[in-house]
Protein backbone atom coordinates (compact mmCIF):
# COMPACT_ATOMS: atom_id res chain seq x y z
CA MET A 1 -2.46 6.88 -24.24
CA SER A 2 -3.79 5.61 -20.77
CA PRO A 3 -5.77 2.43 -20.65
CA LYS A 4 -9.35 2.40 -20.83
CA PRO A 5 -11.04 2.52 -17.43
CA THR A 6 -12.52 -0.79 -16.17
CA CYS A 7 -14.22 -2.08 -13.11
CA HIS A 8 -12.45 -3.46 -10.00
CA LEU A 9 -13.28 -6.06 -7.28
CA ILE A 10 -11.51 -5.45 -4.13
CA ARG A 11 -11.64 -7.99 -1.32
CA PRO A 12 -10.68 -6.32 1.88
CA GLU A 13 -8.00 -8.85 2.91
CA SER A 14 -4.92 -6.83 3.40
CA SER A 15 -4.62 -3.77 5.58
CA TYR A 16 -2.50 -0.69 6.24
CA GLU A 17 -1.77 1.63 9.16
CA GLY A 18 -3.00 5.09 8.68
CA LYS A 19 -1.27 8.19 10.20
CA GLN A 20 -4.21 8.34 12.72
CA GLY A 21 -3.10 5.22 14.42
CA LEU A 22 -5.72 2.83 13.23
CA SER A 23 -5.40 -0.29 10.98
CA TYR A 24 -7.68 0.09 7.72
CA PHE A 25 -8.60 -2.74 5.49
CA ALA A 26 -7.36 -1.81 1.76
CA GLY A 27 -10.32 -0.66 -0.23
CA ILE A 28 -11.09 1.65 -3.10
CA ALA A 29 -8.51 4.36 -3.66
CA GLU A 30 -6.12 5.55 -6.15
CA THR A 31 -4.84 2.06 -6.67
CA VAL A 32 -7.79 1.10 -8.67
CA GLY A 33 -7.71 4.39 -10.79
CA SER A 34 -10.17 6.31 -8.42
CA SER A 35 -9.97 9.95 -8.98
CA GLY A 36 -12.50 11.44 -6.51
CA ILE A 37 -13.52 8.84 -3.92
CA CYS A 38 -11.96 6.52 -1.35
CA MET A 39 -13.71 3.88 0.51
CA HIS A 40 -12.33 1.70 3.17
CA LEU A 41 -13.43 -0.74 6.09
CA LEU A 42 -12.34 -0.04 9.55
CA THR A 43 -12.61 -2.33 12.68
CA MET A 44 -11.74 -0.74 15.83
CA PRO A 45 -10.96 -3.27 18.62
CA PRO A 46 -12.10 -2.43 22.19
CA GLY A 47 -10.05 0.24 23.58
CA ALA A 48 -8.62 1.51 20.34
CA ARG A 49 -8.24 5.17 19.91
CA ALA A 50 -7.12 7.37 17.09
CA LYS A 51 -4.60 10.15 17.36
CA ALA A 52 -6.15 13.69 17.21
CA HIS A 53 -6.19 14.65 13.49
CA MET A 54 -8.02 16.48 10.75
CA HIS A 55 -8.34 15.93 6.99
CA GLU A 56 -7.31 19.11 5.47
CA ASN A 57 -8.69 18.69 1.91
CA HIS A 58 -11.53 16.14 2.08
CA GLU A 59 -14.85 15.22 3.38
CA THR A 60 -15.54 12.03 5.24
CA ALA A 61 -18.70 10.05 5.63
CA ILE A 62 -19.02 7.14 7.99
CA TYR A 63 -21.62 4.40 8.30
CA VAL A 64 -21.19 2.29 11.52
CA LEU A 65 -21.99 -1.24 10.74
CA SER A 66 -21.58 -2.68 14.39
CA GLY A 67 -20.53 -1.40 17.79
CA GLU A 68 -20.26 2.28 18.88
CA VAL A 69 -17.51 4.84 18.63
CA HIS A 70 -17.11 7.94 20.85
CA THR A 71 -15.95 10.96 18.83
CA TRP A 72 -14.61 14.18 20.02
CA TYR A 73 -14.54 17.04 17.49
CA GLY A 74 -14.20 20.81 17.07
CA ASP A 75 -11.16 23.16 17.44
CA ARG A 76 -10.48 22.04 20.89
CA LEU A 77 -12.32 18.66 20.76
CA GLU A 78 -15.01 20.19 22.86
CA GLN A 79 -17.86 18.60 21.18
CA HIS A 80 -18.71 14.82 21.77
CA ILE A 81 -20.91 12.33 20.00
CA VAL A 82 -21.52 8.60 20.30
CA VAL A 83 -21.91 7.08 16.82
CA LYS A 84 -23.69 3.76 16.96
CA ALA A 85 -24.48 0.77 14.46
CA GLY A 86 -26.81 2.07 11.80
CA ASP A 87 -25.82 5.78 12.24
CA LEU A 88 -24.29 7.85 9.52
CA PHE A 89 -21.70 10.48 10.47
CA TYR A 90 -20.21 13.35 8.49
CA ILE A 91 -16.92 15.11 8.91
CA PRO A 92 -16.11 18.27 6.90
CA PRO A 93 -12.67 19.06 5.65
CA GLY A 94 -10.39 20.93 8.30
CA VAL A 95 -12.35 19.73 11.42
CA PRO A 96 -10.23 18.20 14.32
CA HIS A 97 -11.56 14.89 15.56
CA LEU A 98 -10.47 11.89 17.73
CA PRO A 99 -12.53 8.65 17.69
CA ALA A 100 -12.30 6.05 20.32
CA ASN A 101 -13.84 2.59 20.87
CA LEU A 102 -14.71 2.72 24.70
CA SER A 103 -16.75 -0.53 24.64
CA ASP A 104 -15.87 -4.03 25.33
CA GLY A 105 -16.43 -5.03 21.72
CA PRO A 106 -15.17 -4.33 18.36
CA ALA A 107 -16.82 -1.56 16.23
CA SER A 108 -16.82 -1.68 12.46
CA ALA A 109 -17.48 0.98 9.88
CA VAL A 110 -17.56 1.74 6.07
CA ILE A 111 -15.56 4.93 5.60
CA ALA A 112 -15.94 6.97 2.27
CA ARG A 113 -13.70 10.22 1.48
CA THR A 114 -13.65 12.62 -1.37
CA ASP A 115 -9.85 12.04 -2.00
CA PRO A 116 -8.57 8.69 -3.16
CA ASN A 117 -5.12 9.77 -1.59
CA GLU A 118 -6.70 10.34 1.70
CA GLN A 119 -3.60 9.81 3.95
CA GLU A 120 -1.89 12.70 2.04
CA SER A 121 -4.27 15.29 3.65
CA VAL A 122 -4.17 13.78 7.18
CA VAL A 123 -2.88 16.31 9.47
CA LEU A 124 -1.99 15.07 13.04
CA LEU A 125 -2.76 17.30 15.99
CA PRO A 126 -0.68 16.16 18.92
CA GLU A 127 -1.36 19.19 20.93
CA LEU A 128 -4.88 18.13 21.11
CA ASP A 129 -4.40 14.44 22.19
CA GLY A 130 -4.21 15.21 25.86
CA LEU A 131 -7.74 17.00 25.84
CA VAL A 132 -9.46 13.54 25.76
CA ALA A 133 -8.77 11.23 28.62
């Protein structure tokens, strides 16, 4: 028999490096027994940029707490949007994207995904990295 599910408190004190090239604060994931959601905090320092990638099998919802992040998305990263503090941003599964903090201050966001093992479905797209200067 598996143990009875219980509540967990997570203090985002430790971090991990994602395949995308960004450092995430540890959050809610499979480590607490989650089976359908993942939630992390991300702070992008000035000049930080992720590698072009997509999440093959899960949705992503982002709420920007502070700062702003430029995000290029689409098959050839042909679309561009600036996501600012207070904005919500949705990324469906399979959509290539590349976020970057082009400002002179940090940008922080809460990121929720529909897969507690979110790094498993990250697909790096190095052929798209050069499309964004």
